[in-house]
Amino acid sequence: MDLTPGTLDRMTPEQERHFESQLEQDDGTEMRRVLHAGVPVYYTRDDTPPGCVIKEYPEGRKELVDFSTGDERLVSLLTE
């Protein structure tokens, strides 16, 4: 499935359901693969503020970001 920027907006309802089912079944393997390849990943947790996502970098740094303007905007650095 092509997940390059902009493709999520063009998914059909059937493609969205398929994508969501894949996310529900993910055990973290794909996220680890992407991080190992040097690419940041985006995700949410139950406590992620509405409208925000967590951006995690390969070295472990995490940021809370917002895309409501259409561009990525840093909301805050996350520490754990």
Protein backbone atom coordinates (compact mmCIF):
# COMPACT_ATOMS: atom_id res chain seq x y z
CA MET A 1 0.00 0.00 0.00
CA ASP A 2 1.38 3.40 -1.00
CA LEU A 3 1.55 5.63 2.08
CA THR A 4 3.53 8.51 0.63
CA PRO A 5 2.33 11.97 1.73
CA GLY A 6 -1.02 12.84 0.24
CA THR A 7 -2.18 9.30 -0.53
CA LEU A 8 -4.21 8.89 2.66
CA ASP A 9 -6.50 11.72 1.51
CA ARG A 10 -7.21 9.87 -1.72
CA MET A 11 -8.06 6.46 -0.23
CA THR A 12 -11.40 4.89 -1.04
CA PRO A 13 -13.54 3.79 1.93
CA GLU A 14 -12.53 0.19 1.19
CA GLN A 15 -8.82 1.11 1.20
CA GLU A 16 -9.30 3.00 4.49
CA ARG A 17 -10.92 -0.06 6.12
CA HIS A 18 -8.08 -2.28 4.88
CA PHE A 19 -5.46 0.19 6.16
CA GLU A 20 -7.15 0.47 9.57
CA SER A 21 -7.36 -3.32 9.90
CA GLN A 22 -3.64 -3.58 9.13
CA LEU A 23 -2.88 -0.99 11.82
CA GLU A 24 -4.96 -2.89 14.38
CA GLN A 25 -2.99 -6.09 13.68
CA ASP A 26 0.45 -4.47 13.79
CA ASP A 27 2.67 -5.73 16.60
CA GLY A 28 5.27 -2.97 16.17
CA THR A 29 7.40 -4.87 13.65
CA GLU A 30 6.81 -2.38 10.84
CA MET A 31 7.52 0.61 13.09
CA ARG A 32 10.82 -0.91 14.18
CA ARG A 33 11.72 -1.65 10.55
CA VAL A 34 11.03 1.94 9.50
CA LEU A 35 12.97 3.37 12.45
CA HIS A 36 15.89 1.04 11.71
CA ALA A 37 15.88 2.38 8.13
CA GLY A 38 16.43 5.88 9.56
CA VAL A 39 12.93 7.22 8.98
CA PRO A 40 10.75 8.85 11.69
CA VAL A 41 7.37 7.29 12.47
CA TYR A 42 4.09 8.91 13.47
CA TYR A 43 1.53 7.44 15.86
CA THR A 44 -0.91 8.22 18.64
CA ARG A 45 -1.45 6.78 22.11
CA ASP A 46 -4.57 6.88 24.25
CA ASP A 47 -3.29 10.03 25.99
CA THR A 48 -2.27 11.93 22.82
CA PRO A 49 -4.08 15.30 22.72
CA PRO A 50 -6.78 15.64 20.05
CA GLY A 51 -5.43 16.85 16.71
CA CYS A 52 -1.87 15.83 17.52
CA VAL A 53 0.38 12.89 16.72
CA ILE A 54 3.68 11.71 18.14
CA LYS A 55 6.68 11.84 15.83
CA GLU A 56 9.44 9.46 16.91
CA TYR A 57 12.90 9.70 15.40
CA PRO A 58 15.25 6.73 14.92
CA GLU A 59 17.52 7.89 17.76
CA GLY A 60 14.54 7.90 20.16
CA ARG A 61 13.64 11.61 20.33
CA LYS A 62 9.88 12.21 20.38
CA GLU A 63 7.88 15.29 19.49
CA LEU A 64 4.21 16.14 19.67
CA VAL A 65 3.22 17.56 16.27
CA ASP A 66 0.09 18.97 14.68
CA PHE A 67 -0.97 18.94 11.01
CA SER A 68 -4.15 21.06 11.31
CA THR A 69 -2.71 23.81 9.10
CA GLY A 70 -1.69 21.31 6.41
CA ASP A 71 1.96 21.57 7.44
CA GLU A 72 3.72 19.79 10.27
CA ARG A 73 3.96 22.06 13.32
CA LEU A 74 5.94 21.25 16.47
CA VAL A 75 3.74 21.48 19.55
CA SER A 76 6.26 20.27 22.14
CA LEU A 77 9.20 17.98 22.80
CA LEU A 78 8.24 14.83 24.69
CA THR A 79 10.29 13.34 27.48
CA GLU A 80 9.69 9.95 29.04
